[in-house]
Amino acid sequence: MQKKINEINKHLSHKYYVPVKDVEDAIKSQFLFVKTKIEEAERDNLETFKTIKLLSFGKFIVKRTMFKYMVENKNKKNGDISE
């Protein structure tokens, strides 16, 4: 898999006349942005999780039902069964 990624990066590097390192950084930067935005959100507050759209890739979104499920299971795991 890594070999194929390296080939694609090299191809893009030649196509756009930029160093391979810059191609790799451009690709990684969008996922670093997503990671940063997720980390900025408050763990128990759904409203702080923002929808992030990457063009030609898709949306990163926290669904209400999944968020509720995660919070409830976290409480059960910690021994808190009060609702």
C-alpha atoms as a PDB file:
ATOM      1  CA  MET A   1       0.000   0.000   0.000  1.00  0.00           C
ATOM      2  CA  GLN A   2       2.759   2.424   0.942  1.00  0.00           C
ATOM      3  CA  LYS A   3       4.521   1.706  -2.359  1.00  0.00           C
ATOM      4  CA  LYS A   4       1.372   2.707  -4.280  1.00  0.00           C
ATOM      5  CA  ILE A   5       1.031   5.886  -2.202  1.00  0.00           C
ATOM      6  CA  ASN A   6       4.653   6.779  -2.924  1.00  0.00           C
ATOM      7  CA  GLU A   7       4.072   6.263  -6.654  1.00  0.00           C
ATOM      8  CA  ILE A   8       1.008   8.523  -6.601  1.00  0.00           C
ATOM      9  CA  ASN A   9       2.888  11.203  -4.650  1.00  0.00           C
ATOM     10  CA  LYS A  10       5.770  11.035  -7.127  1.00  0.00           C
ATOM     11  CA  HIS A  11       3.357  11.296 -10.062  1.00  0.00           C
ATOM     12  CA  LEU A  12       1.651  14.359  -8.543  1.00  0.00           C
ATOM     13  CA  SER A  13       5.034  15.878  -7.793  1.00  0.00           C
ATOM     14  CA  HIS A  14       6.074  15.648 -11.448  1.00  0.00           C
ATOM     15  CA  LYS A  15       2.689  16.740 -12.751  1.00  0.00           C
ATOM     16  CA  TYR A  16       2.559  19.924 -10.664  1.00  0.00           C
ATOM     17  CA  TYR A  17       6.315  20.611 -10.455  1.00  0.00           C
ATOM     18  CA  VAL A  18       6.495  20.571  -6.672  1.00  0.00           C
ATOM     19  CA  PRO A  19       8.682  18.535  -4.318  1.00  0.00           C
ATOM     20  CA  VAL A  20       7.319  15.165  -3.154  1.00  0.00           C
ATOM     21  CA  LYS A  21       7.479  16.441   0.450  1.00  0.00           C
ATOM     22  CA  ASP A  22       5.071  19.267  -0.433  1.00  0.00           C
ATOM     23  CA  VAL A  23       2.635  16.787  -1.993  1.00  0.00           C
ATOM     24  CA  GLU A  24       2.756  14.609   1.125  1.00  0.00           C
ATOM     25  CA  ASP A  25       2.266  17.646   3.385  1.00  0.00           C
ATOM     26  CA  ALA A  26      -0.718  18.839   1.341  1.00  0.00           C
ATOM     27  CA  ILE A  27      -2.387  15.439   1.597  1.00  0.00           C
ATOM     28  CA  LYS A  28      -1.710  15.063   5.326  1.00  0.00           C
ATOM     29  CA  SER A  29      -2.752  18.620   6.171  1.00  0.00           C
ATOM     30  CA  GLN A  30      -6.450  18.034   5.518  1.00  0.00           C
ATOM     31  CA  PHE A  31      -6.534  15.084   7.904  1.00  0.00           C
ATOM     32  CA  LEU A  32      -4.528  17.003  10.485  1.00  0.00           C
ATOM     33  CA  PHE A  33      -7.198  19.723  10.243  1.00  0.00           C
ATOM     34  CA  VAL A  34      -9.973  17.157  10.861  1.00  0.00           C
ATOM     35  CA  LYS A  35      -8.065  15.711  13.815  1.00  0.00           C
ATOM     36  CA  THR A  36      -7.545  19.169  15.320  1.00  0.00           C
ATOM     37  CA  LYS A  37     -11.229  20.093  15.005  1.00  0.00           C
ATOM     38  CA  ILE A  38     -12.315  16.822  16.612  1.00  0.00           C
ATOM     39  CA  GLU A  39      -9.886  17.342  19.497  1.00  0.00           C
ATOM     40  CA  GLU A  40     -11.212  20.887  20.052  1.00  0.00           C
ATOM     41  CA  ALA A  41     -14.742  19.592  20.696  1.00  0.00           C
ATOM     42  CA  GLU A  42     -15.991  19.064  24.237  1.00  0.00           C
ATOM     43  CA  ARG A  43     -16.351  15.342  24.831  1.00  0.00           C
ATOM     44  CA  ASP A  44     -19.862  15.498  26.386  1.00  0.00           C
ATOM     45  CA  ASN A  45     -21.307  18.335  24.275  1.00  0.00           C
ATOM     46  CA  LEU A  46     -22.660  17.366  20.851  1.00  0.00           C
ATOM     47  CA  GLU A  47     -22.999  20.994  19.740  1.00  0.00           C
ATOM     48  CA  THR A  48     -19.212  21.482  19.868  1.00  0.00           C
ATOM     49  CA  PHE A  49     -18.643  18.776  17.227  1.00  0.00           C
ATOM     50  CA  LYS A  50     -18.690  20.581  13.886  1.00  0.00           C
ATOM     51  CA  THR A  51     -19.353  18.968  10.505  1.00  0.00           C
ATOM     52  CA  ILE A  52     -16.201  19.012   8.417  1.00  0.00           C
ATOM     53  CA  LYS A  53     -16.410  18.627   4.638  1.00  0.00           C
ATOM     54  CA  LEU A  54     -13.403  17.679   2.552  1.00  0.00           C
ATOM     55  CA  LEU A  55     -14.006  18.341  -1.130  1.00  0.00           C
ATOM     56  CA  SER A  56     -14.053  15.210  -3.275  1.00  0.00           C
ATOM     57  CA  PHE A  57     -13.757  13.079  -0.140  1.00  0.00           C
ATOM     58  CA  GLY A  58     -16.820  13.485   2.040  1.00  0.00           C
ATOM     59  CA  LYS A  59     -18.084  14.784   5.365  1.00  0.00           C
ATOM     60  CA  PHE A  60     -16.949  13.994   8.870  1.00  0.00           C
ATOM     61  CA  ILE A  61     -20.035  14.303  11.041  1.00  0.00           C
ATOM     62  CA  VAL A  62     -21.092  13.141  14.491  1.00  0.00           C
ATOM     63  CA  LYS A  63     -24.611  11.743  14.345  1.00  0.00           C
ATOM     64  CA  ARG A  64     -26.877  12.444  17.315  1.00  0.00           C
ATOM     65  CA  THR A  65     -27.801   8.789  17.757  1.00  0.00           C
ATOM     66  CA  MET A  66     -24.168   7.648  17.777  1.00  0.00           C
ATOM     67  CA  PHE A  67     -23.195  10.442  20.168  1.00  0.00           C
ATOM     68  CA  LYS A  68     -26.025   9.471  22.551  1.00  0.00           C
ATOM     69  CA  TYR A  69     -24.955   5.819  22.344  1.00  0.00           C
ATOM     70  CA  MET A  70     -21.319   6.689  23.150  1.00  0.00           C
ATOM     71  CA  VAL A  71     -22.265   8.886  26.114  1.00  0.00           C
ATOM     72  CA  GLU A  72     -24.631   6.263  27.536  1.00  0.00           C
ATOM     73  CA  ASN A  73     -22.066   3.480  27.195  1.00  0.00           C
ATOM     74  CA  LYS A  74     -19.373   5.666  28.741  1.00  0.00           C
ATOM     75  CA  ASN A  75     -21.635   6.195  31.746  1.00  0.00           C
ATOM     76  CA  LYS A  76     -22.333   2.453  32.034  1.00  0.00           C
ATOM     77  CA  LYS A  77     -18.633   1.675  31.758  1.00  0.00           C
ATOM     78  CA  ASN A  78     -17.903   4.117  34.591  1.00  0.00           C
ATOM     79  CA  GLY A  79     -20.619   2.576  36.769  1.00  0.00           C
ATOM     80  CA  ASP A  80     -23.016   5.513  36.395  1.00  0.00           C
ATOM     81  CA  ILE A  81     -26.405   4.020  35.476  1.00  0.00           C
ATOM     82  CA  SER A  82     -28.540   7.044  36.365  1.00  0.00           C
ATOM     83  CA  GLU A  83     -30.423   8.556  33.458  1.00  0.00           C
END
